């Protein structure tokens, strides 16, 4: 399950683990104009862990979820559809 909220300066996506036990903590994805942050509470350290990704890194991660093992580079297309 997930929620999407539009804040003043970002879009916030919360991923709720509704699978089988043991359940993981919620994952909060904040999408800003310049970057994307991913946060998750770590009960072992009692702290919220945060990483910051560029939009290009998020694009690459999204593409990687559907590809087999290997090394890849995404090429940008020109306005006429060529690379």
Protein backbone atom coordinates (compact mmCIF):
# COMPACT_ATOMS: atom_id res chain seq x y z
CA UNK A 1 0.00 0.00 0.00
CA UNK A 2 1.18 3.57 -0.58
CA UNK A 3 0.03 7.14 -0.20
CA UNK A 4 0.82 10.24 -2.28
CA UNK A 5 0.64 13.76 -0.85
CA UNK A 6 1.52 17.04 -2.56
CA UNK A 7 3.28 19.44 -0.19
CA UNK A 8 4.33 23.04 -0.85
CA UNK A 9 7.82 22.14 -2.12
CA UNK A 10 7.68 18.39 -2.72
CA UNK A 11 5.61 15.32 -3.46
CA UNK A 12 5.67 12.80 -0.60
CA UNK A 13 5.15 9.10 -1.28
CA UNK A 14 4.85 6.77 1.70
CA UNK A 15 5.32 3.05 1.10
CA UNK A 16 3.64 0.91 3.75
CA UNK A 17 4.75 -2.71 4.11
CA UNK A 18 1.51 -4.66 4.12
CA UNK A 19 3.08 -8.01 3.27
CA UNK A 20 3.68 -10.91 5.58
CA UNK A 21 5.47 -10.68 8.91
CA UNK A 22 8.03 -9.50 9.75
CA UNK A 23 6.94 -6.10 8.48
CA UNK A 24 9.45 -3.38 7.60
CA UNK A 25 9.15 0.27 8.62
CA UNK A 26 7.42 2.71 6.26
CA UNK A 27 9.57 4.20 3.50
CA UNK A 28 9.10 7.92 2.82
CA UNK A 29 10.09 9.24 -0.61
CA UNK A 30 10.28 13.05 -0.96
CA UNK A 31 10.51 14.32 -4.53
CA UNK A 32 11.91 17.84 -4.80
CA UNK A 33 12.79 19.85 -7.91
CA UNK A 34 16.52 19.20 -7.47
CA UNK A 35 16.65 15.73 -5.83
CA UNK A 36 14.78 12.81 -4.27
CA UNK A 37 15.23 11.71 -0.66
CA UNK A 38 14.38 8.26 0.72
CA UNK A 39 13.90 7.87 4.49
CA UNK A 40 13.21 4.91 6.75
CA UNK A 41 13.19 4.62 10.53
CA UNK A 42 15.78 2.15 11.84
CA UNK A 43 14.51 0.66 15.14
CA UNK A 44 17.98 -0.76 15.91
CA UNK A 45 19.54 2.72 16.10
CA UNK A 46 16.32 4.63 16.90
CA UNK A 47 17.15 7.01 14.01
CA UNK A 48 15.72 7.88 10.62
CA UNK A 49 18.15 6.92 7.85
CA UNK A 50 18.10 9.14 4.76
CA UNK A 51 19.71 8.94 1.33
CA UNK A 52 19.59 11.57 -1.41
CA UNK A 53 19.39 10.65 -5.09
CA UNK A 54 19.48 12.75 -8.23
CA UNK A 55 16.55 12.40 -10.61
CA UNK A 56 18.91 10.60 -13.02
CA UNK A 57 19.74 8.03 -10.32
CA UNK A 58 16.02 7.44 -9.68
CA UNK A 59 15.45 7.00 -13.43
CA UNK A 60 18.30 4.49 -13.61
CA UNK A 61 17.05 2.60 -10.55
CA UNK A 62 13.57 2.39 -12.05
CA UNK A 63 14.98 0.99 -15.31
CA UNK A 64 17.24 -1.44 -13.44
CA UNK A 65 14.30 -3.12 -11.72
CA UNK A 66 13.24 -4.64 -15.06
CA UNK A 67 16.63 -5.59 -16.53
CA UNK A 68 18.82 -8.69 -16.20
CA UNK A 69 22.32 -8.62 -14.71
CA UNK A 70 24.74 -6.41 -16.67
CA UNK A 71 26.10 -2.89 -17.15
CA UNK A 72 23.81 -0.30 -18.74
CA UNK A 73 23.68 3.38 -19.69
CA UNK A 74 20.52 5.21 -20.62
CA UNK A 75 20.94 7.52 -23.60
CA UNK A 76 18.85 10.63 -23.87
CA UNK A 77 16.77 11.06 -27.04
CA UNK A 78 16.78 14.23 -29.11
CA UNK A 79 13.48 15.98 -29.80
CA UNK A 80 13.27 14.13 -33.14
CA UNK A 81 13.49 10.74 -31.35
CA UNK A 82 17.11 9.94 -32.25
CA UNK A 83 19.93 9.38 -29.76
